[in-house]
N, C-alpha and C. Protein backbone atom coordinates (compact mmCIF):
# COMPACT_ATOMS: atom_id res chain seq x y z
N ALA A 1 -0.83 5.87 2.86
CA ALA A 1 0.43 5.19 2.63
C ALA A 1 1.18 4.99 3.96
N TRP A 2 1.04 5.95 4.86
CA TRP A 2 1.75 5.84 6.14
C TRP A 2 1.24 4.63 6.92
N GLY A 3 -0.07 4.44 6.95
CA GLY A 3 -0.65 3.32 7.67
C GLY A 3 -0.22 1.98 7.10
N THR A 4 -0.14 1.90 5.79
CA THR A 4 0.30 0.66 5.14
C THR A 4 1.76 0.39 5.45
N ALA A 5 2.58 1.43 5.45
CA ALA A 5 3.99 1.26 5.79
C ALA A 5 4.14 0.76 7.23
N GLN A 6 3.33 1.29 8.13
CA GLN A 6 3.38 0.84 9.52
C GLN A 6 2.93 -0.61 9.64
N TRP A 7 1.91 -0.98 8.89
CA TRP A 7 1.41 -2.36 8.89
C TRP A 7 2.52 -3.30 8.42
N LEU A 8 3.22 -2.93 7.37
CA LEU A 8 4.31 -3.77 6.85
C LEU A 8 5.42 -3.94 7.89
N ARG A 9 5.76 -2.86 8.59
CA ARG A 9 6.81 -2.93 9.63
C ARG A 9 6.37 -3.83 10.78
N LEU A 10 5.13 -3.66 11.23
CA LEU A 10 4.64 -4.50 12.33
C LEU A 10 4.58 -5.96 11.94
N ALA A 11 4.13 -6.23 10.72
CA ALA A 11 4.06 -7.62 10.26
C ALA A 11 5.45 -8.24 10.24
N GLU A 12 6.44 -7.47 9.80
CA GLU A 12 7.81 -7.98 9.77
C GLU A 12 8.35 -8.21 11.18
N ASP A 13 8.11 -7.26 12.06
CA ASP A 13 8.59 -7.37 13.44
C ASP A 13 7.94 -8.53 14.20
N GLN A 14 6.65 -8.76 13.96
CA GLN A 14 5.90 -9.77 14.70
C GLN A 14 5.86 -11.13 14.00
N GLY A 15 6.44 -11.22 12.80
CA GLY A 15 6.42 -12.47 12.06
C GLY A 15 5.05 -12.80 11.50
N LEU A 16 4.27 -11.78 11.20
CA LEU A 16 2.92 -11.96 10.67
C LEU A 16 2.92 -11.83 9.15
N PRO A 17 1.85 -12.29 8.49
CA PRO A 17 1.78 -12.13 7.03
C PRO A 17 1.79 -10.66 6.63
N ARG A 18 2.48 -10.36 5.55
CA ARG A 18 2.55 -8.98 5.10
C ARG A 18 1.49 -8.71 4.04
N VAL A 19 1.27 -7.47 3.77
CA VAL A 19 0.31 -7.05 2.75
C VAL A 19 0.80 -7.55 1.39
N ALA A 20 -0.08 -8.18 0.62
CA ALA A 20 0.30 -8.67 -0.71
C ALA A 20 -0.07 -7.67 -1.80
N THR A 21 -1.26 -7.07 -1.68
CA THR A 21 -1.72 -6.08 -2.65
C THR A 21 -2.49 -4.97 -1.95
N MET A 22 -2.55 -3.82 -2.61
CA MET A 22 -3.34 -2.69 -2.14
C MET A 22 -4.24 -2.25 -3.29
N GLN A 23 -5.40 -1.70 -2.96
CA GLN A 23 -6.28 -1.18 -4.00
C GLN A 23 -6.39 0.32 -3.85
N ASN A 24 -6.06 1.03 -4.91
CA ASN A 24 -6.16 2.47 -4.93
C ASN A 24 -7.63 2.88 -4.93
N GLU A 25 -7.96 3.95 -4.24
CA GLU A 25 -9.33 4.47 -4.24
C GLU A 25 -9.72 4.83 -5.68
N TYR A 26 -10.93 4.48 -6.07
CA TYR A 26 -11.37 4.74 -7.44
C TYR A 26 -12.75 5.38 -7.43
N SER A 27 -12.90 6.43 -8.18
CA SER A 27 -14.18 7.11 -8.31
C SER A 27 -14.27 7.70 -9.71
N LEU A 28 -15.43 7.59 -10.32
CA LEU A 28 -15.62 8.21 -11.63
C LEU A 28 -15.62 9.73 -11.55
N LEU A 29 -15.95 10.28 -10.39
CA LEU A 29 -16.00 11.73 -10.23
C LEU A 29 -14.65 12.32 -9.85
N CYS A 30 -13.87 11.59 -9.12
CA CYS A 30 -12.56 12.08 -8.65
C CYS A 30 -11.49 11.11 -9.12
N ARG A 31 -10.82 11.40 -10.21
CA ARG A 31 -9.90 10.47 -10.85
C ARG A 31 -8.44 10.74 -10.47
N LEU A 32 -8.19 11.10 -9.24
CA LEU A 32 -6.81 11.36 -8.79
C LEU A 32 -6.11 10.04 -8.48
N TYR A 33 -4.84 9.98 -8.81
CA TYR A 33 -4.04 8.79 -8.55
C TYR A 33 -3.15 9.07 -7.35
N ASP A 34 -3.18 8.20 -6.37
CA ASP A 34 -2.41 8.39 -5.14
C ASP A 34 -0.96 7.99 -5.39
N THR A 35 -0.10 8.98 -5.62
CA THR A 35 1.30 8.69 -5.93
C THR A 35 2.06 8.16 -4.72
N ASP A 36 1.60 8.49 -3.51
CA ASP A 36 2.26 7.95 -2.31
C ASP A 36 2.11 6.43 -2.25
N LEU A 37 0.91 5.94 -2.55
CA LEU A 37 0.70 4.49 -2.56
C LEU A 37 1.50 3.83 -3.68
N ALA A 38 1.60 4.50 -4.82
CA ALA A 38 2.36 3.95 -5.94
C ALA A 38 3.84 3.81 -5.56
N GLU A 39 4.38 4.84 -4.92
CA GLU A 39 5.78 4.80 -4.50
C GLU A 39 6.01 3.72 -3.44
N LEU A 40 5.10 3.62 -2.48
CA LEU A 40 5.22 2.60 -1.44
C LEU A 40 5.15 1.20 -2.04
N SER A 41 4.26 1.00 -2.99
CA SER A 41 4.11 -0.33 -3.59
C SER A 41 5.37 -0.75 -4.32
N VAL A 42 6.04 0.18 -4.97
CA VAL A 42 7.30 -0.14 -5.67
C VAL A 42 8.40 -0.42 -4.66
N ASN A 43 8.54 0.44 -3.66
CA ASN A 43 9.62 0.29 -2.68
C ASN A 43 9.48 -0.95 -1.82
N GLU A 44 8.25 -1.36 -1.52
CA GLU A 44 8.01 -2.49 -0.62
C GLU A 44 7.61 -3.76 -1.35
N ASP A 45 7.60 -3.74 -2.67
CA ASP A 45 7.23 -4.91 -3.49
C ASP A 45 5.83 -5.42 -3.15
N VAL A 46 4.88 -4.49 -3.15
CA VAL A 46 3.47 -4.79 -2.89
C VAL A 46 2.69 -4.41 -4.14
N GLY A 47 1.83 -5.30 -4.61
CA GLY A 47 1.04 -5.00 -5.80
C GLY A 47 0.03 -3.90 -5.55
N LEU A 48 -0.19 -3.06 -6.57
CA LEU A 48 -1.17 -1.98 -6.48
C LEU A 48 -2.20 -2.17 -7.58
N LEU A 49 -3.45 -2.35 -7.19
CA LEU A 49 -4.54 -2.55 -8.16
C LEU A 49 -5.13 -1.22 -8.56
């Protein structure tokens, strides 16, 4: 989540395209949901798949 937040800040500062969507890591063996990415996606208006 930290790297994505930095990417969004740099894109805004440099006038570059921002992240539109992010994909959460998915595994049938490890079904943990990354709440940090979920919070970032809500706060920054970025879709989370």
